[in-house]
Amino acid sequence: MFINKNFTNLLFGRFLINLGDSLYYITIMWMVFDLTNNTLYTGIAGALFMLPEVFSFLYGPIIDRANKKNILVLFSLLQALFLFIILFIYANDLSIYAILLVLPFLAFLSEFTYPIEGTLIPKFVEKKDLTKANSMMSVAANGVDLFF
């Protein structure tokens, strides 16, 4: 399976995305609390991270019509851009409201990665290896989340 370049890139990408997601989630929660010293704002930030999950049933038709590889790369790059925006806001002591405004967009971009990967795996591996590939992706995703 690791001979398959497309699957190996997808698996490595999943590992990196989950690593980044875990670290930025913890960091942003800490940063919001550090800026405000208020658990209410920290709770609001956590809710804003979860808000895009409410609309996840709408993402399938969008993903089906899009070029999956391109959208996966684009959304990952946009996530990095939003993280830099949050870092800029924090470093320049701007309003907590600016950070809270950016958070749902960051989480929205993250919501697309799992369904896109789920549609790409069957295209990258043979049918006989599909269970193994899905298991590896699940271990990469959940293992990294658990570790970090």
Protein backbone atom coordinates (compact mmCIF):
# COMPACT_ATOMS: atom_id res chain seq x y z
CA MET A 1 0.00 0.00 0.00
CA PHE A 2 2.86 2.38 0.66
CA ILE A 3 4.02 1.83 -2.91
CA ASN A 4 0.87 3.68 -3.98
CA LYS A 5 2.05 7.30 -4.07
CA ASN A 6 -1.45 8.80 -4.04
CA PHE A 7 -2.52 6.82 -0.98
CA THR A 8 0.75 7.47 0.83
CA ASN A 9 0.36 11.22 0.21
CA LEU A 10 -3.23 11.08 1.42
CA LEU A 11 -2.25 9.17 4.57
CA PHE A 12 0.65 11.51 5.30
CA GLY A 13 -1.65 14.48 4.68
CA ARG A 14 -4.21 13.06 7.12
CA PHE A 15 -1.51 12.67 9.73
CA LEU A 16 -0.31 16.26 9.27
CA ILE A 17 -3.81 17.74 9.15
CA ASN A 18 -4.84 15.97 12.35
CA LEU A 19 -1.60 16.98 14.02
CA GLY A 20 -2.24 20.59 13.07
CA ASP A 21 -5.94 20.45 13.98
CA SER A 22 -5.18 19.06 17.42
CA LEU A 23 -2.46 21.57 18.15
CA TYR A 24 -4.30 24.62 16.88
CA TYR A 25 -7.50 23.66 18.70
CA ILE A 26 -5.69 23.45 22.02
CA THR A 27 -3.61 26.55 21.28
CA ILE A 28 -6.56 28.68 20.24
CA MET A 29 -8.61 27.67 23.28
CA TRP A 30 -5.65 28.56 25.48
CA MET A 31 -5.13 31.82 23.60
CA VAL A 32 -8.79 32.85 23.95
CA PHE A 33 -8.66 32.20 27.67
CA ASP A 34 -5.34 34.02 27.95
CA LEU A 35 -6.75 37.07 26.17
CA THR A 36 -10.00 37.22 28.11
CA ASN A 37 -9.50 35.33 31.38
CA ASN A 38 -13.13 34.42 30.84
CA THR A 39 -14.48 30.89 30.52
CA LEU A 40 -17.55 32.20 28.67
CA TYR A 41 -15.42 33.34 25.73
CA THR A 42 -13.53 30.07 25.80
CA GLY A 43 -16.82 28.19 25.67
CA ILE A 44 -18.03 30.37 22.81
CA ALA A 45 -14.81 29.64 20.93
CA GLY A 46 -15.35 25.90 21.45
CA ALA A 47 -18.94 26.20 20.21
CA LEU A 48 -17.78 28.12 17.13
CA PHE A 49 -15.34 25.31 16.37
CA MET A 50 -18.24 22.85 16.45
CA LEU A 51 -20.75 25.00 14.55
CA PRO A 52 -19.76 23.84 11.04
CA GLU A 53 -20.43 20.22 12.04
CA VAL A 54 -24.13 21.10 12.26
CA PHE A 55 -24.14 21.75 8.52
CA SER A 56 -21.99 18.79 7.51
CA PHE A 57 -24.93 17.06 5.79
CA LEU A 58 -24.78 19.80 3.15
CA TYR A 59 -21.14 19.24 2.23
CA GLY A 60 -21.62 16.04 0.22
CA PRO A 61 -23.16 17.63 -2.90
CA ILE A 62 -20.47 20.30 -2.92
CA ILE A 63 -17.73 17.69 -2.67
CA ASP A 64 -19.29 15.49 -5.36
CA ARG A 65 -19.24 18.33 -7.88
CA ALA A 66 -15.73 19.59 -7.10
CA ASN A 67 -12.27 18.41 -8.06
CA LYS A 68 -11.51 16.57 -4.84
CA LYS A 69 -7.73 16.72 -4.95
CA ASN A 70 -7.70 20.43 -5.69
CA ILE A 71 -10.26 21.27 -3.03
CA LEU A 72 -8.39 19.21 -0.43
CA VAL A 73 -5.16 21.08 -1.14
CA LEU A 74 -6.91 24.45 -1.40
CA PHE A 75 -8.79 24.04 1.88
CA SER A 76 -5.64 22.89 3.68
CA LEU A 77 -3.80 25.98 2.45
CA LEU A 78 -6.73 28.20 3.43
CA GLN A 79 -6.65 26.67 6.91
CA ALA A 80 -3.00 27.65 7.19
CA LEU A 81 -3.88 31.17 6.04
CA PHE A 82 -6.63 31.48 8.66
CA LEU A 83 -4.21 30.26 11.33
CA PHE A 84 -1.77 32.99 10.34
CA ILE A 85 -4.60 35.53 10.50
CA ILE A 86 -5.43 34.40 14.04
CA LEU A 87 -1.74 34.57 14.97
CA PHE A 88 -1.57 38.10 13.55
CA ILE A 89 -4.67 39.14 15.50
CA TYR A 90 -3.22 37.69 18.70
CA ALA A 91 0.26 39.13 18.20
CA ASN A 92 -1.13 42.61 17.60
CA ASP A 93 -3.49 42.53 20.59
CA LEU A 94 -6.55 43.00 18.43
CA SER A 95 -10.05 42.21 19.59
CA ILE A 96 -11.10 38.79 20.80
CA TYR A 97 -14.14 39.27 18.58
CA ALA A 98 -11.90 39.19 15.51
CA ILE A 99 -10.57 35.81 16.59
CA LEU A 100 -14.06 34.53 17.30
CA LEU A 101 -15.13 35.70 13.84
CA VAL A 102 -12.36 33.72 12.12
CA LEU A 103 -12.84 30.48 14.10
CA PRO A 104 -15.96 29.13 12.33
CA PHE A 105 -14.33 29.64 8.93
CA LEU A 106 -11.28 27.73 10.07
CA ALA A 107 -13.45 24.90 11.39
CA PHE A 108 -15.59 24.95 8.22
CA LEU A 109 -12.54 24.28 6.06
CA SER A 110 -11.51 21.43 8.32
CA GLU A 111 -14.91 19.75 7.98
CA PHE A 112 -14.36 19.00 4.29
CA THR A 113 -11.23 16.91 4.65
CA TYR A 114 -12.78 13.68 5.97
CA PRO A 115 -15.50 13.31 3.32
CA ILE A 116 -13.08 14.20 0.54
CA GLU A 117 -10.60 11.61 1.74
CA GLY A 118 -13.40 9.07 1.99
CA THR A 119 -14.20 9.56 -1.69
CA LEU A 120 -10.54 9.51 -2.77
CA ILE A 121 -9.48 6.30 -1.00
CA PRO A 122 -11.47 3.97 -3.32
CA LYS A 123 -9.90 5.73 -6.30
CA PHE A 124 -6.37 5.29 -4.96
CA VAL A 125 -6.41 1.67 -3.75
CA GLU A 126 -7.65 -1.59 -5.15
CA LYS A 127 -10.93 -2.96 -3.87
CA LYS A 128 -9.18 -5.79 -2.01
CA ASP A 129 -7.11 -3.22 -0.05
CA LEU A 130 -9.97 -0.84 0.72
CA THR A 131 -10.60 -2.09 4.27
CA LYS A 132 -6.91 -1.92 5.09
CA ALA A 133 -6.62 1.58 3.64
CA ASN A 134 -9.66 2.84 5.56
CA SER A 135 -8.26 1.32 8.74
CA MET A 136 -4.92 3.02 8.22
CA MET A 137 -6.62 6.36 7.63
CA SER A 138 -8.73 5.89 10.76
CA VAL A 139 -5.69 5.04 12.85
CA ALA A 140 -3.84 8.06 11.48
CA ALA A 141 -6.77 10.35 12.27
CA ASN A 142 -7.87 8.99 15.64
CA GLY A 143 -4.40 8.03 16.83
CA VAL A 144 -3.05 11.51 16.26
CA ASP A 145 -6.12 13.06 17.92
CA LEU A 146 -5.72 10.78 20.90
CA PHE A 147 -1.99 11.42 21.19
CA PHE A 148 -2.23 15.20 20.90
